Amino acid sequence: MTKSKTYDILDNFFKLDMRVKKIENLLLLNESQNNLSSSERCKSSYRKSEIAILFYILMDEGPLYFDPADVKKNRISFQEFLSENFTYRDNEGVQKKITRISRQFSECKGYTYKEKQMKFLDDLIGILMERKRKLENW
């Protein structure tokens, strides 16, 4: 093998090596951005179904909305917002990303889960009443 061929092979190898390193750096950067964004999620002491109840009520009653004119689009936007920005407490107490919450939103709409919503609202009202009492005594 001639010297020029050897240099060409080495040159091509180093070019390939540089490209691989650039790809690795991009993958590492993307991974670190994903880790950063997941650590910036709002953590919740609520279970997934309770987060759905809270936001479904706020959406359904109107104080929070994305698109008040399009009910379906509004609901989808809420579900995407929760999936991108919140974690929930699972049964073991570990924070988990919300991946899909459409089933829990559907449960909020059905009368079958009326008692579950009533209990959640009673607990939430208790928290709000305690807050009001603290403010009154301040």
Protein backbone atom coordinates (compact mmCIF):
# COMPACT_ATOMS: atom_id res chain seq x y z
CA MET A 1 0.00 0.00 0.00
CA THR A 2 1.34 3.40 -0.94
CA LYS A 3 1.85 6.20 1.55
CA SER A 4 -0.82 8.34 -0.10
CA LYS A 5 -3.38 5.54 0.18
CA THR A 6 -2.47 5.05 3.83
CA TYR A 7 -2.90 8.79 4.45
CA ASP A 8 -6.23 8.77 2.64
CA ILE A 9 -7.45 5.86 4.74
CA LEU A 10 -6.32 7.52 7.96
CA ASP A 11 -7.82 10.84 6.87
CA ASN A 12 -11.17 9.18 6.09
CA PHE A 13 -11.04 7.34 9.40
CA PHE A 14 -10.51 10.57 11.34
CA LYS A 15 -13.27 12.31 9.39
CA LEU A 16 -15.60 9.43 10.21
CA ASP A 17 -14.49 9.52 13.84
CA MET A 18 -15.25 13.27 14.00
CA ARG A 19 -18.73 12.70 12.56
CA VAL A 20 -19.45 9.95 15.08
CA LYS A 21 -18.31 12.22 17.93
CA LYS A 22 -20.58 15.00 16.67
CA ILE A 23 -23.53 12.60 16.61
CA GLU A 24 -22.67 11.38 20.12
CA ASN A 25 -22.50 14.98 21.35
CA LEU A 26 -25.89 15.74 19.83
CA LEU A 27 -27.39 12.67 21.48
CA LEU A 28 -25.86 13.60 24.84
CA LEU A 29 -27.13 17.16 24.50
CA ASN A 30 -30.62 15.94 23.64
CA GLU A 31 -30.55 13.52 26.60
CA SER A 32 -29.47 16.25 29.01
CA GLN A 33 -32.22 18.55 27.72
CA ASN A 34 -34.77 15.78 28.27
CA ASN A 35 -33.49 15.26 31.81
CA LEU A 36 -33.63 18.99 32.47
CA SER A 37 -37.19 19.30 31.18
CA SER A 38 -38.39 16.32 33.21
CA SER A 39 -36.84 17.75 36.37
CA GLU A 40 -38.67 21.03 35.71
CA ARG A 41 -42.09 19.37 35.78
CA CYS A 42 -44.49 20.38 38.48
CA LYS A 43 -44.59 17.54 40.99
CA SER A 44 -47.83 16.62 42.69
CA SER A 45 -48.83 14.80 45.83
CA TYR A 46 -52.01 13.80 43.98
CA ARG A 47 -52.56 10.56 42.12
CA LYS A 48 -53.11 10.68 38.38
CA SER A 49 -56.89 10.41 38.69
CA GLU A 50 -56.96 13.25 41.24
CA ILE A 51 -54.97 15.55 38.95
CA ALA A 52 -57.45 14.73 36.19
CA ILE A 53 -60.39 15.54 38.47
CA LEU A 54 -58.86 18.87 39.54
CA PHE A 55 -58.07 20.07 36.04
CA TYR A 56 -61.24 18.64 34.53
CA ILE A 57 -63.31 20.66 37.04
CA LEU A 58 -61.29 23.83 36.38
CA MET A 59 -61.66 23.26 32.65
CA ASP A 60 -65.34 22.29 32.77
CA GLU A 61 -66.36 25.16 35.04
CA GLY A 62 -64.38 27.67 32.97
CA PRO A 63 -61.76 29.41 35.14
CA LEU A 64 -58.98 27.80 33.10
CA TYR A 65 -59.09 27.20 29.36
CA PHE A 66 -57.07 26.99 26.19
CA ASP A 67 -59.86 27.32 23.64
CA PRO A 68 -63.30 28.14 25.09
CA ALA A 69 -64.99 27.93 21.67
CA ASP A 70 -63.87 24.37 20.85
CA VAL A 71 -64.61 21.92 23.69
CA LYS A 72 -62.74 19.01 22.10
CA LYS A 73 -59.64 21.06 21.31
CA ASN A 74 -59.74 22.56 24.82
CA ARG A 75 -59.80 19.10 26.41
CA ILE A 76 -56.96 17.82 24.22
CA SER A 77 -54.90 20.89 25.05
CA PHE A 78 -55.43 20.33 28.77
CA GLN A 79 -54.39 16.70 28.49
CA GLU A 80 -51.24 17.62 26.54
CA PHE A 81 -50.45 20.39 29.03
CA LEU A 82 -50.67 17.97 31.96
CA SER A 83 -48.58 15.35 30.18
CA GLU A 84 -45.84 17.86 29.37
CA ASN A 85 -45.74 19.69 32.70
CA PHE A 86 -46.83 17.48 35.61
CA THR A 87 -45.87 14.35 37.46
CA TYR A 88 -48.10 12.39 39.81
CA ARG A 89 -47.62 10.21 42.87
CA ASP A 90 -48.07 6.53 42.12
CA ASN A 91 -49.27 3.95 44.66
CA GLU A 92 -45.74 3.54 46.03
CA GLY A 93 -45.31 7.30 46.45
CA VAL A 94 -42.90 7.66 43.52
CA GLN A 95 -43.23 10.61 41.12
CA LYS A 96 -44.11 9.47 37.59
CA LYS A 97 -44.49 11.39 34.35
CA ILE A 98 -48.03 11.68 33.12
CA THR A 99 -47.94 9.91 29.79
CA ARG A 100 -51.63 9.64 28.97
CA ILE A 101 -54.48 11.06 31.00
CA SER A 102 -57.41 10.78 28.57
CA ARG A 103 -58.92 7.79 30.39
CA GLN A 104 -58.92 9.69 33.69
CA PHE A 105 -60.52 12.70 31.99
CA SER A 106 -63.21 10.42 30.55
CA GLU A 107 -63.90 9.04 34.02
CA CYS A 108 -64.52 12.61 35.24
CA LYS A 109 -67.31 12.97 32.71
CA GLY A 110 -69.14 9.80 33.70
CA TYR A 111 -71.60 9.64 36.55
CA THR A 112 -70.06 6.35 37.65
CA TYR A 113 -67.20 8.30 39.26
CA LYS A 114 -69.45 10.87 40.95
CA GLU A 115 -68.53 9.67 44.46
CA LYS A 116 -64.82 9.86 43.66
CA GLN A 117 -65.21 13.47 42.52
CA MET A 118 -67.34 14.35 45.54
CA LYS A 119 -64.67 13.00 47.91
CA PHE A 120 -61.94 14.88 46.05
CA LEU A 121 -63.94 18.11 46.19
CA ASP A 122 -64.62 17.66 49.93
CA ASP A 123 -60.88 17.24 50.53
CA LEU A 124 -60.03 20.24 48.35
CA ILE A 125 -62.67 22.41 50.06
CA GLY A 126 -61.15 21.39 53.40
CA ILE A 127 -57.72 22.56 52.24
CA LEU A 128 -59.16 25.85 50.95
CA MET A 129 -61.15 26.43 54.14
CA GLU A 130 -58.01 25.87 56.23
CA ARG A 131 -56.18 28.38 54.05
CA LYS A 132 -59.01 30.88 54.49
CA ARG A 133 -58.92 30.38 58.27
CA LYS A 134 -55.16 31.04 58.29
CA LEU A 135 -55.63 34.23 56.29
CA GLU A 136 -58.39 35.44 58.57
CA ASN A 137 -56.19 34.90 61.62
CA TRP A 138 -53.15 36.52 60.07
